[in-house]
C-alpha atoms as a PDB file:
ATOM      1  CA  MET A   1     -46.335  17.701 -32.131  1.00  0.00           C
ATOM      2  CA  GLY A   2     -42.895  17.358 -33.551  1.00  0.00           C
ATOM      3  CA  GLU A   3     -41.046  19.131 -30.862  1.00  0.00           C
ATOM      4  CA  ARG A   4     -42.608  17.074 -28.276  1.00  0.00           C
ATOM      5  CA  SER A   5     -41.539  13.991 -30.090  1.00  0.00           C
ATOM      6  CA  LEU A   6     -37.659  14.901 -29.632  1.00  0.00           C
ATOM      7  CA  LEU A   7     -37.785  16.126 -26.090  1.00  0.00           C
ATOM      8  CA  PRO A   8     -37.033  12.215 -25.214  1.00  0.00           C
ATOM      9  CA  ILE A   9     -33.991  11.978 -27.422  1.00  0.00           C
ATOM     10  CA  ILE A  10     -32.707  15.762 -26.931  1.00  0.00           C
ATOM     11  CA  ALA A  11     -33.308  15.579 -22.764  1.00  0.00           C
ATOM     12  CA  PRO A  12     -30.756  12.879 -22.198  1.00  0.00           C
ATOM     13  CA  LEU A  13     -27.997  14.024 -24.572  1.00  0.00           C
ATOM     14  CA  LEU A  14     -28.113  17.001 -23.498  1.00  0.00           C
ATOM     15  CA  ILE A  15     -27.735  15.914 -19.969  1.00  0.00           C
ATOM     16  CA  TYR A  16     -25.141  13.375 -20.973  1.00  0.00           C
ATOM     17  CA  CYS A  17     -22.629  15.866 -22.606  1.00  0.00           C
ATOM     18  CA  HIS A  18     -22.915  18.017 -19.177  1.00  0.00           C
ATOM     19  CA  LEU A  19     -21.866  15.403 -17.283  1.00  0.00           C
ATOM     20  CA  ILE A  20     -19.437  14.201 -19.537  1.00  0.00           C
ATOM     21  CA  TRP A  21     -17.335  17.849 -19.888  1.00  0.00           C
ATOM     22  CA  ASN A  22     -17.805  19.069 -16.169  1.00  0.00           C
ATOM     23  CA  ASN A  23     -16.066  15.367 -15.333  1.00  0.00           C
ATOM     24  CA  SER A  24     -12.823  16.342 -17.286  1.00  0.00           C
ATOM     25  CA  VAL A  25     -12.603  19.689 -15.853  1.00  0.00           C
ATOM     26  CA  GLN A  26     -12.673  17.943 -12.594  1.00  0.00           C
ATOM     27  CA  ALA A  27      -9.684  15.227 -13.321  1.00  0.00           C
ATOM     28  CA  LEU A  28      -7.317  17.804 -14.145  1.00  0.00           C
ATOM     29  CA  PRO A  29      -4.471  18.762 -10.961  1.00  0.00           C
ATOM     30  CA  LEU A  30      -3.915  21.387  -9.000  1.00  0.00           C
ATOM     31  CA  PRO A  31      -1.618  24.412 -10.288  1.00  0.00           C
ATOM     32  CA  ASN A  32      -0.035  24.180  -6.789  1.00  0.00           C
ATOM     33  CA  ASP A  33       0.434  20.258  -7.400  1.00  0.00           C
ATOM     34  CA  THR A  34       4.160  19.075  -7.563  1.00  0.00           C
ATOM     35  CA  PRO A  35       4.007  16.484 -10.330  1.00  0.00           C
ATOM     36  CA  GLU A  36       5.360  12.555  -8.984  1.00  0.00           C
ATOM     37  CA  GLU A  37       7.758  12.849 -11.569  1.00  0.00           C
ATOM     38  CA  VAL A  38       9.915  15.870  -9.356  1.00  0.00           C
ATOM     39  CA  LEU A  39       8.766  14.388  -6.205  1.00  0.00           C
ATOM     40  CA  ARG A  40      10.787  11.068  -7.027  1.00  0.00           C
ATOM     41  CA  THR A  41      13.433  13.031  -8.079  1.00  0.00           C
ATOM     42  CA  GLU A  42      14.135  14.748  -4.986  1.00  0.00           C
ATOM     43  CA  VAL A  43      16.727  13.906  -2.320  1.00  0.00           C
ATOM     44  CA  LEU A  44      15.142  13.157   0.899  1.00  0.00           C
ATOM     45  CA  THR A  45      17.856  14.346   3.798  1.00  0.00           C
ATOM     46  CA  GLU A  46      15.544  13.726   6.496  1.00  0.00           C
ATOM     47  CA  ALA A  47      13.858  10.739   7.925  1.00  0.00           C
ATOM     48  CA  ARG A  48      11.721   9.246  10.905  1.00  0.00           C
ATOM     49  CA  SER A  49      13.098   6.416  12.767  1.00  0.00           C
ATOM     50  CA  PRO A  50      11.017   3.333  12.687  1.00  0.00           C
ATOM     51  CA  LEU A  51      11.341   2.847  16.818  1.00  0.00           C
ATOM     52  CA  ASN A  52       9.792   5.787  18.090  1.00  0.00           C
ATOM     53  CA  GLY A  53       8.755   8.187  15.158  1.00  0.00           C
ATOM     54  CA  GLU A  54      11.624  11.006  16.064  1.00  0.00           C
ATOM     55  CA  SER A  55      12.939  12.952  13.394  1.00  0.00           C
ATOM     56  CA  LEU A  56      16.625  11.733  12.487  1.00  0.00           C
ATOM     57  CA  SER A  57      19.377  13.087   9.580  1.00  0.00           C
ATOM     58  CA  ALA A  58      20.136  10.859   6.788  1.00  0.00           C
ATOM     59  CA  ALA A  59      23.175   9.853   8.391  1.00  0.00           C
ATOM     60  CA  GLU A  60      21.462   8.827  11.554  1.00  0.00           C
ATOM     61  CA  TYR A  61      18.874   6.985   9.866  1.00  0.00           C
ATOM     62  CA  ALA A  62      21.830   5.316   7.932  1.00  0.00           C
ATOM     63  CA  GLU A  63      23.680   4.514  11.242  1.00  0.00           C
ATOM     64  CA  LEU A  64      20.149   2.871  12.998  1.00  0.00           C
ATOM     65  CA  GLN A  65      19.608   0.651   9.743  1.00  0.00           C
ATOM     66  CA  VAL A  66      22.704  -0.784   9.980  1.00  0.00           C
ATOM     67  CA  ALA A  67      22.274  -1.268  13.775  1.00  0.00           C
ATOM     68  CA  LEU A  68      18.851  -2.981  13.048  1.00  0.00           C
ATOM     69  CA  ARG A  69      20.594  -5.148  10.358  1.00  0.00           C
ATOM     70  CA  SER A  70      22.940  -6.608  12.974  1.00  0.00           C
ATOM     71  CA  THR A  71      20.640  -7.310  15.520  1.00  0.00           C
ATOM     72  CA  GLU A  72      18.316  -8.620  12.888  1.00  0.00           C
ATOM     73  CA  ALA A  73      21.477 -11.567  12.240  1.00  0.00           C
ATOM     74  CA  VAL A  74      21.246 -12.941  16.185  1.00  0.00           C
ATOM     75  CA  GLN A  75      19.282 -16.191  16.471  1.00  0.00           C
ATOM     76  CA  PRO A  76      17.406 -16.721  19.587  1.00  0.00           C
ATOM     77  CA  LYS A  77      18.098 -19.419  21.916  1.00  0.00           C
ATOM     78  CA  VAL A  78      15.366 -21.723  21.853  1.00  0.00           C
ATOM     79  CA  SER A  79      15.862 -25.854  23.181  1.00  0.00           C
ATOM     80  CA  PRO A  80      15.716 -28.630  20.773  1.00  0.00           C
ATOM     81  CA  LYS A  81      12.134 -29.615  22.534  1.00  0.00           C
ATOM     82  CA  ILE A  82      10.775 -26.128  21.896  1.00  0.00           C
ATOM     83  CA  ARG A  83      12.143 -26.037  18.305  1.00  0.00           C
ATOM     84  CA  ARG A  84      10.868 -29.731  17.134  1.00  0.00           C
ATOM     85  CA  LEU A  85       7.652 -28.903  18.303  1.00  0.00           C
ATOM     86  CA  ILE A  86       7.294 -25.734  16.439  1.00  0.00           C
ATOM     87  CA  THR A  87       8.481 -27.596  13.577  1.00  0.00           C
ATOM     88  CA  LEU A  88       5.678 -30.208  13.881  1.00  0.00           C
ATOM     89  CA  LEU A  89       2.982 -27.796  14.136  1.00  0.00           C
ATOM     90  CA  ARG A  90       3.863 -25.795  11.452  1.00  0.00           C
ATOM     91  CA  LEU A  91       3.783 -29.135   9.297  1.00  0.00           C
ATOM     92  CA  ARG A  92       0.329 -29.368  10.979  1.00  0.00           C
ATOM     93  CA  LYS A  93      -0.839 -26.620   9.606  1.00  0.00           C
ATOM     94  CA  GLY A  94       0.423 -27.170   6.170  1.00  0.00           C
ATOM     95  CA  ILE A  95      -1.133 -30.477   5.817  1.00  0.00           C
ATOM     96  CA  ARG A  96      -4.459 -28.875   7.329  1.00  0.00           C
ATOM     97  CA  SER A  97      -4.029 -26.274   4.417  1.00  0.00           C
ATOM     98  CA  ILE A  98      -3.928 -28.999   1.756  1.00  0.00           C
ATOM     99  CA  PHE A  99      -5.623 -31.906   3.488  1.00  0.00           C
ATOM    100  CA  PRO A 100      -8.731 -29.824   6.123  1.00  0.00           C
ATOM    101  CA  PHE A 101     -10.033 -33.135   6.548  1.00  0.00           C
ATOM    102  CA  LEU A 102      -7.278 -34.995   7.846  1.00  0.00           C
ATOM    103  CA  LEU A 103      -5.729 -34.252  11.620  1.00  0.00           C
ATOM    104  CA  ARG A 104      -8.642 -32.861  13.240  1.00  0.00           C
END
């Protein structure tokens, strides 16, 4: 009788220990896995173009970034009426987010 009363206590304990020991082993990295600290210190010598995804050298990538930044500074020509309309629509959207029951 004494052995049967310990079975409900020992069985879950053994299962719990088995699960804990198995999970701790699975958390270890693979032996051939490069640590993140090493990857952060590597110097990148090639890159991909953000426009079409082709492979670029570091110098070509830097030139492309400078060219893209210079084109971002150009403001498009928009008529004053359309610019005012866009401003009013943005204002209306802001007011509607604060007071949703207004401007139906």
